[in-house]
PDB file of all heavy atoms in Angstrom:
ATOM      1  N   ILE A   1      12.477  83.938  12.529  1.00  0.00           N
ATOM      2  CA  ILE A   1      13.488  83.312  11.661  1.00  0.00           C
ATOM      3  C   ILE A   1      13.106  83.492  10.188  1.00  0.00           C
ATOM      4  O   ILE A   1      13.936  83.822   9.342  1.00  0.00           O
ATOM      5  CB  ILE A   1      13.653  81.818  12.004  1.00  0.00           C
ATOM      6  CG1 ILE A   1      14.281  81.662  13.397  1.00  0.00           C
ATOM      7  CG2 ILE A   1      14.511  81.114  10.954  1.00  0.00           C
ATOM      8  CD1 ILE A   1      14.311  80.242  13.901  1.00  0.00           C
ATOM      9  N   LYS A   2      11.811  83.289   9.881  1.00  0.00           N
ATOM     10  CA  LYS A   2      11.332  83.465   8.510  1.00  0.00           C
ATOM     11  C   LYS A   2      11.521  84.909   8.061  1.00  0.00           C
ATOM     12  O   LYS A   2      11.976  85.173   6.938  1.00  0.00           O
ATOM     13  CB  LYS A   2       9.853  83.076   8.426  1.00  0.00           C
ATOM     14  CG  LYS A   2       9.249  83.261   7.036  1.00  0.00           C
ATOM     15  CD  LYS A   2       7.762  82.896   7.050  1.00  0.00           C
ATOM     16  CE  LYS A   2       7.108  83.172   5.715  1.00  0.00           C
ATOM     17  NZ  LYS A   2       5.654  82.867   5.729  1.00  0.00           N
ATOM     18  N   ALA A   3      11.193  85.853   8.945  1.00  0.00           N
ATOM     19  CA  ALA A   3      11.342  87.268   8.619  1.00  0.00           C
ATOM     20  C   ALA A   3      12.801  87.610   8.349  1.00  0.00           C
ATOM     21  O   ALA A   3      13.126  88.327   7.394  1.00  0.00           O
ATOM     22  CB  ALA A   3      10.794  88.122   9.760  1.00  0.00           C
ATOM     23  N   ALA A   4      13.686  87.086   9.200  1.00  0.00           N
ATOM     24  CA  ALA A   4      15.120  87.347   9.032  1.00  0.00           C
ATOM     25  C   ALA A   4      15.624  86.794   7.709  1.00  0.00           C
ATOM     26  O   ALA A   4      16.458  87.416   7.025  1.00  0.00           O
ATOM     27  CB  ALA A   4      15.900  86.745  10.197  1.00  0.00           C
ATOM     28  N   SER A   5      15.094  85.617   7.316  1.00  0.00           N
ATOM     29  CA  SER A   5      15.540  85.016   6.047  1.00  0.00           C
ATOM     30  C   SER A   5      15.064  85.836   4.856  1.00  0.00           C
ATOM     31  O   SER A   5      15.801  86.004   3.876  1.00  0.00           O
ATOM     32  CB  SER A   5      15.035  83.574   5.939  1.00  0.00           C
ATOM     33  OG  SER A   5      13.630  83.528   5.733  1.00  0.00           O
ATOM     34  N   LEU A   6      13.835  86.354   4.921  1.00  0.00           N
ATOM     35  CA  LEU A   6      13.320  87.177   3.826  1.00  0.00           C
ATOM     36  C   LEU A   6      14.094  88.488   3.707  1.00  0.00           C
ATOM     37  O   LEU A   6      14.538  88.865   2.609  1.00  0.00           O
ATOM     38  CB  LEU A   6      11.838  87.477   4.047  1.00  0.00           C
ATOM     39  CG  LEU A   6      10.840  86.371   3.722  1.00  0.00           C
ATOM     40  CD1 LEU A   6       9.433  86.778   4.169  1.00  0.00           C
ATOM     41  CD2 LEU A   6      10.841  86.065   2.231  1.00  0.00           C
ATOM     42  N   ILE A   7      14.265  89.171   4.829  1.00  0.00           N
ATOM     43  CA  ILE A   7      14.965  90.460   4.806  1.00  0.00           C
ATOM     44  C   ILE A   7      16.438  90.254   4.448  1.00  0.00           C
ATOM     45  O   ILE A   7      16.997  90.981   3.622  1.00  0.00           O
ATOM     46  CB  ILE A   7      14.826  91.166   6.171  1.00  0.00           C
ATOM     47  CG1 ILE A   7      13.360  91.532   6.432  1.00  0.00           C
ATOM     48  CG2 ILE A   7      15.699  92.416   6.224  1.00  0.00           C
ATOM     49  CD1 ILE A   7      13.082  92.010   7.849  1.00  0.00           C
ATOM     50  N   GLY A   8      17.064  89.243   5.075  1.00  0.00           N
ATOM     51  CA  GLY A   8      18.472  88.968   4.797  1.00  0.00           C
ATOM     52  C   GLY A   8      18.704  88.576   3.349  1.00  0.00           C
ATOM     53  O   GLY A   8      19.659  89.041   2.711  1.00  0.00           O
ATOM     54  N   GLY A   9      17.818  87.728   2.807  1.00  0.00           N
ATOM     55  CA  GLY A   9      17.955  87.325   1.407  1.00  0.00           C
ATOM     56  C   GLY A   9      17.755  88.484   0.447  1.00  0.00           C
ATOM     57  O   GLY A   9      18.483  88.632  -0.532  1.00  0.00           O
ATOM     58  N   PHE A  10      16.758  89.315   0.748  1.00  0.00           N
ATOM     59  CA  PHE A  10      16.498  90.499  -0.076  1.00  0.00           C
ATOM     60  C   PHE A  10      17.724  91.409  -0.110  1.00  0.00           C
ATOM     61  O   PHE A  10      18.160  91.847  -1.178  1.00  0.00           O
ATOM     62  CB  PHE A  10      15.292  91.249   0.482  1.00  0.00           C
ATOM     63  CG  PHE A  10      15.013  92.569  -0.171  1.00  0.00           C
ATOM     64  CD1 PHE A  10      14.398  92.626  -1.416  1.00  0.00           C
ATOM     65  CD2 PHE A  10      15.369  93.753   0.460  1.00  0.00           C
ATOM     66  CE1 PHE A  10      14.136  93.853  -2.028  1.00  0.00           C
ATOM     67  CE2 PHE A  10      15.114  94.985  -0.144  1.00  0.00           C
ATOM     68  CZ  PHE A  10      14.495  95.036  -1.385  1.00  0.00           C
ATOM     69  N   ILE A  11      18.308  91.665   1.052  1.00  0.00           N
ATOM     70  CA  ILE A  11      19.494  92.532   1.121  1.00  0.00           C
ATOM     71  C   ILE A  11      20.683  91.876   0.430  1.00  0.00           C
ATOM     72  O   ILE A  11      21.406  92.520  -0.339  1.00  0.00           O
ATOM     73  CB  ILE A  11      19.830  92.862   2.594  1.00  0.00           C
ATOM     74  CG1 ILE A  11      18.718  93.728   3.200  1.00  0.00           C
ATOM     75  CG2 ILE A  11      21.172  93.571   2.698  1.00  0.00           C
ATOM     76  CD1 ILE A  11      18.866  93.950   4.693  1.00  0.00           C
ATOM     77  N   ALA A  12      20.880  90.567   0.687  1.00  0.00           N
ATOM     78  CA  ALA A  12      22.033  89.872   0.113  1.00  0.00           C
ATOM     79  C   ALA A  12      21.983  89.849  -1.408  1.00  0.00           C
ATOM     80  O   ALA A  12      22.984  90.138  -2.085  1.00  0.00           O
ATOM     81  CB  ALA A  12      22.103  88.443   0.670  1.00  0.00           C
ATOM     82  N   PHE A  13      20.828  89.502  -1.976  1.00  0.00           N
ATOM     83  CA  PHE A  13      20.703  89.469  -3.432  1.00  0.00           C
ATOM     84  C   PHE A  13      20.889  90.865  -4.030  1.00  0.00           C
ATOM     85  O   PHE A  13      21.507  91.024  -5.087  1.00  0.00           O
ATOM     86  CB  PHE A  13      19.340  88.899  -3.835  1.00  0.00           C
ATOM     87  CG  PHE A  13      19.317  87.408  -3.950  1.00  0.00           C
ATOM     88  CD1 PHE A  13      19.395  86.612  -2.817  1.00  0.00           C
ATOM     89  CD2 PHE A  13      19.233  86.788  -5.184  1.00  0.00           C
ATOM     90  CE1 PHE A  13      19.378  85.232  -2.920  1.00  0.00           C
ATOM     91  CE2 PHE A  13      19.218  85.401  -5.299  1.00  0.00           C
ATOM     92  CZ  PHE A  13      19.299  84.617  -4.157  1.00  0.00           C
ATOM     93  N   SER A  14      20.367  91.872  -3.348  1.00  0.00           N
ATOM     94  CA  SER A  14      20.499  93.247  -3.835  1.00  0.00           C
ATOM     95  C   SER A  14      21.961  93.679  -3.861  1.00  0.00           C
ATOM     96  O   SER A  14      22.446  94.244  -4.858  1.00  0.00           O
ATOM     97  CB  SER A  14      19.695  94.205  -2.943  1.00  0.00           C
ATOM     98  OG  SER A  14      18.342  93.825  -2.879  1.00  0.00           O
ATOM     99  N   LEU A  15      22.673  93.398  -2.760  1.00  0.00           N
ATOM    100  CA  LEU A  15      24.081  93.786  -2.680  1.00  0.00           C
ATOM    101  C   LEU A  15      24.924  93.015  -3.684  1.00  0.00           C
ATOM    102  O   LEU A  15      25.877  93.567  -4.257  1.00  0.00           O
ATOM    103  CB  LEU A  15      24.610  93.559  -1.256  1.00  0.00           C
ATOM    104  CG  LEU A  15      24.012  94.459  -0.171  1.00  0.00           C
ATOM    105  CD1 LEU A  15      24.586  94.080   1.198  1.00  0.00           C
ATOM    106  CD2 LEU A  15      24.275  95.927  -0.471  1.00  0.00           C
ATOM    107  N   LEU A  16      24.576  91.742  -3.912  1.00  0.00           N
ATOM    108  CA  LEU A  16      25.310  90.935  -4.883  1.00  0.00           C
ATOM    109  C   LEU A  16      25.185  91.519  -6.283  1.00  0.00           C
ATOM    110  O   LEU A  16      26.178  91.644  -7.016  1.00  0.00           O
ATOM    111  CB  LEU A  16      24.789  89.492  -4.859  1.00  0.00           C
ATOM    112  CG  LEU A  16      25.498  88.495  -5.770  1.00  0.00           C
ATOM    113  CD1 LEU A  16      26.950  88.345  -5.356  1.00  0.00           C
ATOM    114  CD2 LEU A  16      24.797  87.140  -5.744  1.00  0.00           C
ATOM    115  N   VAL A  17      23.969  91.898  -6.669  1.00  0.00           N
ATOM    116  CA  VAL A  17      23.755  92.494  -7.990  1.00  0.00           C
ATOM    117  C   VAL A  17      24.432  93.858  -8.073  1.00  0.00           C
ATOM    118  O   VAL A  17      25.039  94.208  -9.092  1.00  0.00           O
ATOM    119  CB  VAL A  17      22.246  92.622  -8.295  1.00  0.00           C
ATOM    120  CG1 VAL A  17      22.018  93.384  -9.588  1.00  0.00           C
ATOM    121  CG2 VAL A  17      21.613  91.246  -8.386  1.00  0.00           C
ATOM    122  N   MET A  18      24.338  94.626  -7.000  1.00  0.00           N
ATOM    123  CA  MET A  18      24.993  95.932  -6.982  1.00  0.00           C
ATOM    124  C   MET A  18      26.502  95.789  -7.163  1.00  0.00           C
ATOM    125  O   MET A  18      27.132  96.546  -7.906  1.00  0.00           O
ATOM    126  CB  MET A  18      24.686  96.650  -5.665  1.00  0.00           C
ATOM    127  CG  MET A  18      25.102  98.100  -5.654  1.00  0.00           C
ATOM    128  SD  MET A  18      24.492  98.962  -4.193  1.00  0.00           S
ATOM    129  CE  MET A  18      25.249 100.577  -4.449  1.00  0.00           C
ATOM    130  N   PHE A  19      27.089  94.781  -6.502  1.00  0.00           N
ATOM    131  CA  PHE A  19      28.521  94.520  -6.663  1.00  0.00           C
ATOM    132  C   PHE A  19      28.845  94.114  -8.102  1.00  0.00           C
ATOM    133  O   PHE A  19      29.808  94.600  -8.699  1.00  0.00           O
ATOM    134  CB  PHE A  19      28.969  93.421  -5.696  1.00  0.00           C
ATOM    135  CG  PHE A  19      30.366  92.928  -5.952  1.00  0.00           C
ATOM    136  CD1 PHE A  19      31.461  93.704  -5.594  1.00  0.00           C
ATOM    137  CD2 PHE A  19      30.575  91.700  -6.564  1.00  0.00           C
ATOM    138  CE1 PHE A  19      32.755  93.259  -5.850  1.00  0.00           C
ATOM    139  CE2 PHE A  19      31.861  91.241  -6.820  1.00  0.00           C
ATOM    140  CZ  PHE A  19      32.960  92.031  -6.458  1.00  0.00           C
ATOM    141  N   ALA A  20      28.020  93.218  -8.673  1.00  0.00           N
ATOM    142  CA  ALA A  20      28.266  92.743 -10.039  1.00  0.00           C
ATOM    143  C   ALA A  20      28.193  93.876 -11.058  1.00  0.00           C
ATOM    144  O   ALA A  20      28.882  93.850 -12.086  1.00  0.00           O
ATOM    145  CB  ALA A  20      27.264  91.649 -10.400  1.00  0.00           C
ATOM    146  N   LEU A  21      27.380  94.878 -10.773  1.00  0.00           N
ATOM    147  CA  LEU A  21      27.242  96.021 -11.684  1.00  0.00           C
ATOM    148  C   LEU A  21      28.232  97.141 -11.378  1.00  0.00           C
ATOM    149  O   LEU A  21      28.230  98.173 -12.045  1.00  0.00           O
ATOM    150  CB  LEU A  21      25.813  96.571 -11.615  1.00  0.00           C
ATOM    151  CG  LEU A  21      24.713  95.661 -12.176  1.00  0.00           C
ATOM    152  CD1 LEU A  21      23.336  96.237 -11.868  1.00  0.00           C
ATOM    153  CD2 LEU A  21      24.879  95.467 -13.685  1.00  0.00           C
ATOM    154  N   GLY A  22      29.073  96.947 -10.362  1.00  0.00           N
ATOM    155  CA  GLY A  22      30.071  97.963 -10.024  1.00  0.00           C
ATOM    156  C   GLY A  22      29.529  99.101  -9.195  1.00  0.00           C
ATOM    157  O   GLY A  22      30.112 100.193  -9.178  1.00  0.00           O
ATOM    158  N   GLY A  23      28.430  98.847  -8.489  1.00  0.00           N
ATOM    159  CA  GLY A  23      27.775  99.922  -7.751  1.00  0.00           C
ATOM    160  C   GLY A  23      28.541 100.447  -6.563  1.00  0.00           C
ATOM    161  O   GLY A  23      28.223 101.521  -6.049  1.00  0.00           O
ATOM    162  N   PHE A  24      29.582  99.737  -6.126  1.00  0.00           N
ATOM    163  CA  PHE A  24      30.369 100.216  -4.990  1.00  0.00           C
ATOM    164  C   PHE A  24      31.622 100.963  -5.431  1.00  0.00           C
ATOM    165  O   PHE A  24      32.468 101.302  -4.609  1.00  0.00           O
ATOM    166  CB  PHE A  24      30.765  99.037  -4.085  1.00  0.00           C
ATOM    167  CG  PHE A  24      29.580  98.388  -3.437  1.00  0.00           C
ATOM    168  CD1 PHE A  24      29.158  97.130  -3.850  1.00  0.00           C
ATOM    169  CD2 PHE A  24      28.866  99.033  -2.447  1.00  0.00           C
ATOM    170  CE1 PHE A  24      28.058  96.519  -3.264  1.00  0.00           C
ATOM    171  CE2 PHE A  24      27.759  98.433  -1.851  1.00  0.00           C
ATOM    172  CZ  PHE A  24      27.362  97.175  -2.267  1.00  0.00           C
ATOM    173  N   GLY A  25      31.717 101.206  -6.727  1.00  0.00           N
ATOM    174  CA  GLY A  25      32.864 101.936  -7.249  1.00  0.00           C
ATOM    175  C   GLY A  25      32.617 103.426  -7.263  1.00  0.00           C
ATOM    176  O   GLY A  25      31.831 103.971  -6.494  1.00  0.00           O
ATOM    177  N   LYS A  26      33.260 104.111  -8.193  1.00  0.00           N
ATOM    178  CA  LYS A  26      33.149 105.563  -8.307  1.00  0.00           C
ATOM    179  C   LYS A  26      31.696 105.943  -8.583  1.00  0.00           C
ATOM    180  O   LYS A  26      31.054 105.399  -9.450  1.00  0.00           O
ATOM    181  CB  LYS A  26      34.037 106.070  -9.445  1.00  0.00           C
ATOM    182  CG  LYS A  26      34.043 107.596  -9.589  1.00  0.00           C
ATOM    183  CD  LYS A  26      35.020 108.024 -10.673  1.00  0.00           C
ATOM    184  CE  LYS A  26      34.937 109.518 -10.924  1.00  0.00           C
ATOM    185  NZ  LYS A  26      35.244 110.322  -9.753  1.00  0.00           N
ATOM    186  N   GLY A  27      31.184 106.885  -7.808  1.00  0.00           N
ATOM    187  CA  GLY A  27      29.802 107.324  -7.967  1.00  0.00           C
ATOM    188  C   GLY A  27      28.957 106.980  -6.755  1.00  0.00           C
ATOM    189  O   GLY A  27      27.971 107.649  -6.475  1.00  0.00           O
ATOM    190  N   PHE A  28      29.394 105.936  -5.993  1.00  0.00           N
ATOM    191  CA  PHE A  28      28.586 105.493  -4.858  1.00  0.00           C
ATOM    192  C   PHE A  28      28.453 106.580  -3.795  1.00  0.00           C
ATOM    193  O   PHE A  28      27.402 106.776  -3.221  1.00  0.00           O
ATOM    194  CB  PHE A  28      29.203 104.238  -4.244  1.00  0.00           C
ATOM    195  CG  PHE A  28      28.453 103.729  -3.047  1.00  0.00           C
ATOM    196  CD1 PHE A  28      27.153 103.257  -3.188  1.00  0.00           C
ATOM    197  CD2 PHE A  28      29.023 103.712  -1.779  1.00  0.00           C
ATOM    198  CE1 PHE A  28      26.441 102.786  -2.089  1.00  0.00           C
ATOM    199  CE2 PHE A  28      28.329 103.242  -0.689  1.00  0.00           C
ATOM    200  CZ  PHE A  28      27.042 102.781  -0.843  1.00  0.00           C
ATOM    201  N   SER A  29      29.521 107.328  -3.536  1.00  0.00           N
ATOM    202  CA  SER A  29      29.485 108.335  -2.472  1.00  0.00           C
ATOM    203  C   SER A  29      29.224 109.739  -2.984  1.00  0.00           C
ATOM    204  O   SER A  29      29.103 110.666  -2.200  1.00  0.00           O
ATOM    205  CB  SER A  29      30.817 108.326  -1.710  1.00  0.00           C
ATOM    206  OG  SER A  29      31.880 108.685  -2.567  1.00  0.00           O
ATOM    207  N   GLU A  30      29.116 109.920  -4.299  1.00  0.00           N
ATOM    208  CA  GLU A  30      29.021 111.259  -4.844  1.00  0.00           C
ATOM    209  C   GLU A  30      27.648 111.880  -4.676  1.00  0.00           C
ATOM    210  O   GLU A  30      27.473 113.060  -4.906  1.00  0.00           O
ATOM    211  CB  GLU A  30      29.403 111.246  -6.326  1.00  0.00           C
ATOM    212  CG  GLU A  30      30.885 110.955  -6.515  1.00  0.00           C
ATOM    213  CD  GLU A  30      31.275 110.928  -7.980  1.00  0.00           C
ATOM    214  OE1 GLU A  30      30.368 111.075  -8.840  1.00  0.00           O
ATOM    215  OE2 GLU A  30      32.461 110.758  -8.271  1.00  0.00           O
ATOM    216  N   SER A  31      26.654 111.097  -4.285  1.00  0.00           N
ATOM    217  CA  SER A  31      25.306 111.630  -4.118  1.00  0.00           C
ATOM    218  C   SER A  31      25.066 112.153  -2.710  1.00  0.00           C
ATOM    219  O   SER A  31      23.990 112.573  -2.376  1.00  0.00           O
ATOM    220  CB  SER A  31      24.260 110.558  -4.440  1.00  0.00           C
ATOM    221  OG  SER A  31      24.406 109.471  -3.575  1.00  0.00           O
ATOM    222  N   GLU A  32      26.090 112.097  -1.870  1.00  0.00           N
ATOM    223  CA  GLU A  32      25.910 112.547  -0.494  1.00  0.00           C
ATOM    224  C   GLU A  32      25.645 114.046  -0.455  1.00  0.00           C
ATOM    225  O   GLU A  32      26.188 114.816  -1.232  1.00  0.00           O
ATOM    226  CB  GLU A  32      27.146 112.198   0.340  1.00  0.00           C
ATOM    227  CG  GLU A  32      27.331 110.696   0.527  1.00  0.00           C
ATOM    228  CD  GLU A  32      28.587 110.371   1.316  1.00  0.00           C
ATOM    229  OE1 GLU A  32      29.265 111.319   1.751  1.00  0.00           O
ATOM    230  OE2 GLU A  32      28.883 109.188   1.482  1.00  0.00           O
ATOM    231  N   GLY A  33      24.826 114.468   0.520  1.00  0.00           N
ATOM    232  CA  GLY A  33      24.501 115.883   0.683  1.00  0.00           C
ATOM    233  C   GLY A  33      23.231 116.239  -0.058  1.00  0.00           C
ATOM    234  O   GLY A  33      22.778 115.542  -0.958  1.00  0.00           O
ATOM    235  N   GLY A  34      22.639 117.338   0.341  1.00  0.00           N
ATOM    236  CA  GLY A  34      21.445 117.838  -0.348  1.00  0.00           C
ATOM    237  C   GLY A  34      20.158 117.216   0.111  1.00  0.00           C
ATOM    238  O   GLY A  34      19.108 117.462  -0.475  1.00  0.00           O
ATOM    239  N   LEU A  35      20.194 116.392   1.176  1.00  0.00           N
ATOM    240  CA  LEU A  35      18.976 115.752   1.663  1.00  0.00           C
ATOM    241  C   LEU A  35      17.987 116.807   2.142  1.00  0.00           C
ATOM    242  O   LEU A  35      18.346 117.716   2.881  1.00  0.00           O
ATOM    243  CB  LEU A  35      19.308 114.800   2.813  1.00  0.00           C
ATOM    244  CG  LEU A  35      18.151 113.989   3.375  1.00  0.00           C
ATOM    245  CD1 LEU A  35      17.651 112.992   2.356  1.00  0.00           C
ATOM    246  CD2 LEU A  35      18.585 113.265   4.649  1.00  0.00           C
ATOM    247  N   GLY A  36      16.739 116.687   1.716  1.00  0.00           N
ATOM    248  CA  GLY A  36      15.710 117.636   2.101  1.00  0.00           C
ATOM    249  C   GLY A  36      15.401 118.660   1.039  1.00  0.00           C
ATOM    250  O   GLY A  36      14.365 119.328   1.093  1.00  0.00           O
ATOM    251  N   GLY A  37      16.266 118.767   0.051  1.00  0.00           N
ATOM    252  CA  GLY A  37      16.021 119.728  -1.025  1.00  0.00           C
ATOM    253  C   GLY A  37      15.056 119.221  -2.076  1.00  0.00           C
ATOM    254  O   GLY A  37      14.516 119.996  -2.861  1.00  0.00           O
TER     255      GLY A  37
END
């Protein structure tokens, strides 16, 4: 339960800040491809 709260909180706070900064808008999917280069 403690582990789930730490991981869940870490992810939730990260996503909240990413949303506040507009990270899910234009640009989020443009980095796809090129993995391994």
